[in-house]
């Protein structure tokens, strides 16, 4: 339990100054994170990305002039947001993995991608340690809280009681949301 609290506190410090638009809008959020980091972030939706055996539904590639986040297109908007926020977690935690993964699934998922871009991704696609994955998940969870993406819904409409309870209890992350 103490380890989880330390992880949450550490990740909270990483996301504290990151502006989160209200209502949440992923492209706007990525633009603000890019501005915060001083690097443009490009979101690329890829159909069938997670179709490969054991292949992730998203990844982040750091290029010389921009960061690119690849996300499975064929899923719900909430899941796409969660995938992208997980990759932002890796960015904000400065994760630089050390094990190169098999890229066969990349070739199958992205047959139309320019060879130079694909070659760069092959050179930079890596796996992360369990600790790094936990950090990225925690950062994504904290950002989801701040974005209000985890709110309960009834008949497709927001269930306002949860919001009111959160506001009454003064949740520190919700207090920092941007308007």
Protein backbone atom coordinates (compact mmCIF):
# COMPACT_ATOMS: atom_id res chain seq x y z
CA UNK A 1 0.00 0.00 0.00
CA UNK A 2 2.84 2.38 0.83
CA UNK A 3 4.45 1.66 -2.53
CA UNK A 4 1.22 2.59 -4.33
CA UNK A 5 1.00 5.85 -2.38
CA UNK A 6 4.60 6.71 -3.29
CA UNK A 7 3.92 5.91 -6.94
CA UNK A 8 0.77 8.05 -6.94
CA UNK A 9 2.58 10.96 -5.24
CA UNK A 10 5.48 10.77 -7.69
CA UNK A 11 3.18 10.65 -10.71
CA UNK A 12 1.00 13.42 -9.29
CA UNK A 13 4.05 15.71 -9.31
CA UNK A 14 4.59 14.90 -13.00
CA UNK A 15 1.03 15.84 -14.01
CA UNK A 16 0.43 18.74 -11.64
CA UNK A 17 1.42 21.50 -14.09
CA UNK A 18 -0.06 19.87 -17.20
CA UNK A 19 -3.19 21.74 -18.37
CA UNK A 20 -6.25 19.54 -18.94
CA UNK A 21 -9.04 21.14 -21.01
CA UNK A 22 -12.62 21.07 -19.76
CA UNK A 23 -14.53 19.53 -21.36
CA UNK A 24 -11.78 17.10 -22.29
CA UNK A 25 -10.67 17.14 -25.92
CA UNK A 26 -7.78 14.83 -26.83
CA UNK A 27 -6.31 16.89 -29.72
CA UNK A 28 -6.47 20.06 -27.60
CA UNK A 29 -4.91 18.21 -24.66
CA UNK A 30 -2.06 16.86 -26.81
CA UNK A 31 -1.42 20.36 -28.16
CA UNK A 32 -1.16 21.71 -24.61
CA UNK A 33 1.14 18.85 -23.52
CA UNK A 34 3.27 19.50 -26.60
CA UNK A 35 3.49 23.16 -25.67
CA UNK A 36 4.28 22.22 -22.05
CA UNK A 37 7.12 19.94 -23.26
CA UNK A 38 8.26 22.20 -26.11
CA UNK A 39 7.60 19.49 -28.72
CA UNK A 40 4.70 19.00 -31.13
CA UNK A 41 2.65 15.82 -30.57
CA UNK A 42 0.92 14.19 -33.53
CA UNK A 43 -1.91 11.69 -32.93
CA UNK A 44 -2.20 8.96 -35.55
CA UNK A 45 -5.21 6.61 -35.49
CA UNK A 46 -4.46 3.21 -36.98
CA UNK A 47 -7.18 0.66 -37.82
CA UNK A 48 -6.37 -2.87 -36.69
CA UNK A 49 -3.33 -1.82 -34.68
CA UNK A 50 -4.09 -4.17 -31.78
CA UNK A 51 -4.96 -7.07 -34.10
CA UNK A 52 -1.45 -8.54 -33.97
CA UNK A 53 -0.71 -11.22 -31.39
CA UNK A 54 0.56 -9.57 -28.23
CA UNK A 55 0.77 -6.18 -29.88
CA UNK A 56 -0.10 -3.03 -27.98
CA UNK A 57 -3.09 -0.86 -28.82
CA UNK A 58 -0.89 2.22 -28.79
CA UNK A 59 2.69 3.44 -28.74
CA UNK A 60 4.76 6.57 -28.69
CA UNK A 61 7.59 7.33 -31.09
CA UNK A 62 9.98 10.19 -30.44
CA UNK A 63 11.22 11.71 -33.71
CA UNK A 64 13.76 14.51 -34.10
CA UNK A 65 11.15 17.22 -34.59
CA UNK A 66 7.98 15.79 -32.98
CA UNK A 67 6.45 13.04 -30.90
CA UNK A 68 3.95 10.69 -32.50
CA UNK A 69 1.31 8.72 -30.64
CA UNK A 70 -0.19 5.79 -32.55
CA UNK A 71 -3.56 4.62 -31.22
CA UNK A 72 -5.94 1.83 -32.21
CA UNK A 73 -8.69 3.45 -34.28
CA UNK A 74 -11.24 0.64 -34.02
CA UNK A 75 -12.24 1.11 -30.39
CA UNK A 76 -14.42 3.46 -28.36
CA UNK A 77 -13.49 7.14 -28.03
CA UNK A 78 -12.99 6.67 -24.27
CA UNK A 79 -10.60 3.77 -24.89
CA UNK A 80 -8.69 5.80 -27.51
CA UNK A 81 -8.32 8.60 -24.96
CA UNK A 82 -7.09 6.13 -22.33
CA UNK A 83 -4.55 4.63 -24.74
CA UNK A 84 -3.23 8.07 -25.71
CA UNK A 85 -3.05 9.17 -22.06
CA UNK A 86 -1.03 6.05 -21.25
CA UNK A 87 1.47 7.00 -23.96
CA UNK A 88 1.56 10.58 -22.62
CA UNK A 89 2.39 8.94 -19.28
CA UNK A 90 5.52 7.43 -20.83
CA UNK A 91 6.43 10.86 -22.23
CA UNK A 92 5.95 12.71 -18.94
CA UNK A 93 7.93 10.06 -17.07
CA UNK A 94 10.81 10.28 -19.58
CA UNK A 95 10.72 6.55 -20.26
CA UNK A 96 13.27 5.34 -22.73
CA UNK A 97 12.93 1.57 -23.06
CA UNK A 98 15.89 -0.64 -23.72
CA UNK A 99 14.53 -3.76 -25.41
CA UNK A 100 13.64 -3.65 -29.10
CA UNK A 101 10.45 -5.56 -29.95
CA UNK A 102 9.60 -7.66 -32.98
CA UNK A 103 8.10 -5.32 -35.58
CA UNK A 104 6.29 -7.81 -37.82
CA UNK A 105 2.94 -6.64 -36.43
CA UNK A 106 3.88 -3.04 -37.26
CA UNK A 107 4.43 -3.94 -40.91
CA UNK A 108 1.08 -5.72 -41.04
CA UNK A 109 -0.80 -2.92 -39.25
CA UNK A 110 0.78 -0.08 -41.24
CA UNK A 111 1.30 -1.33 -44.81
CA UNK A 112 0.85 2.15 -46.32
CA UNK A 113 3.30 3.96 -44.06
CA UNK A 114 6.33 5.48 -45.76
CA UNK A 115 9.37 3.18 -45.54
CA UNK A 116 11.51 5.86 -43.84
CA UNK A 117 8.93 6.40 -41.10
CA UNK A 118 8.47 2.66 -40.65
CA UNK A 119 12.25 2.16 -40.45
CA UNK A 120 12.45 4.83 -37.76
CA UNK A 121 9.68 3.15 -35.78
CA UNK A 122 11.46 -0.19 -36.11
CA UNK A 123 14.56 1.40 -34.65
CA UNK A 124 12.69 3.02 -31.78
CA UNK A 125 9.88 0.59 -30.87
CA UNK A 126 10.76 -0.86 -27.51
CA UNK A 127 9.24 -2.48 -24.49
CA UNK A 128 9.08 -0.94 -21.04
CA UNK A 129 9.82 -2.40 -17.63
CA UNK A 130 6.96 -3.31 -15.29
CA UNK A 131 7.76 -0.28 -13.14
CA UNK A 132 7.62 2.03 -16.17
CA UNK A 133 4.29 0.53 -17.24
CA UNK A 134 2.90 1.09 -13.73
CA UNK A 135 4.08 4.70 -13.82
CA UNK A 136 2.50 5.30 -17.23
CA UNK A 137 -0.76 3.70 -16.03
CA UNK A 138 -0.79 5.85 -12.90
CA UNK A 139 -0.12 9.04 -14.89
CA UNK A 140 -2.93 8.07 -17.30
CA UNK A 141 -5.26 7.39 -14.35
CA UNK A 142 -4.47 10.76 -12.78
CA UNK A 143 -5.04 12.52 -16.09
CA UNK A 144 -8.32 10.64 -16.56
CA UNK A 145 -9.40 11.85 -13.11
CA UNK A 146 -8.49 15.44 -13.95
CA UNK A 147 -10.22 15.19 -17.32
CA UNK A 148 -13.38 13.85 -15.75
CA UNK A 149 -13.38 10.87 -18.13
CA UNK A 150 -14.17 8.35 -15.41
CA UNK A 151 -17.57 9.80 -14.55
CA UNK A 152 -20.56 7.54 -14.12
CA UNK A 153 -23.26 7.69 -16.80
CA UNK A 154 -26.95 6.80 -16.66
CA UNK A 155 -28.80 6.34 -19.95
CA UNK A 156 -25.89 7.98 -21.79
CA UNK A 157 -26.06 11.15 -19.64
CA UNK A 158 -23.53 12.14 -16.99
CA UNK A 159 -24.54 11.13 -13.47
CA UNK A 160 -23.99 14.43 -11.67
CA UNK A 161 -24.02 13.00 -8.12
CA UNK A 162 -20.48 11.67 -8.55
CA UNK A 163 -19.30 15.09 -9.75
CA UNK A 164 -20.99 16.85 -6.84
CA UNK A 165 -19.47 14.45 -4.30
CA UNK A 166 -16.02 14.96 -5.82
CA UNK A 167 -16.42 18.72 -5.68
CA UNK A 168 -17.73 18.62 -2.10
CA UNK A 169 -14.80 16.49 -0.98
CA UNK A 170 -12.33 18.81 -2.71
CA UNK A 171 -10.44 16.18 -4.68
CA UNK A 172 -7.03 17.82 -5.34
CA UNK A 173 -6.79 16.69 -8.96
CA UNK A 174 -10.25 17.92 -9.85
CA UNK A 175 -9.41 21.25 -8.23
CA UNK A 176 -6.61 21.70 -10.79
CA UNK A 177 -8.68 21.15 -13.95
CA UNK A 178 -8.46 23.92 -16.52
CA UNK A 179 -11.51 25.61 -18.00
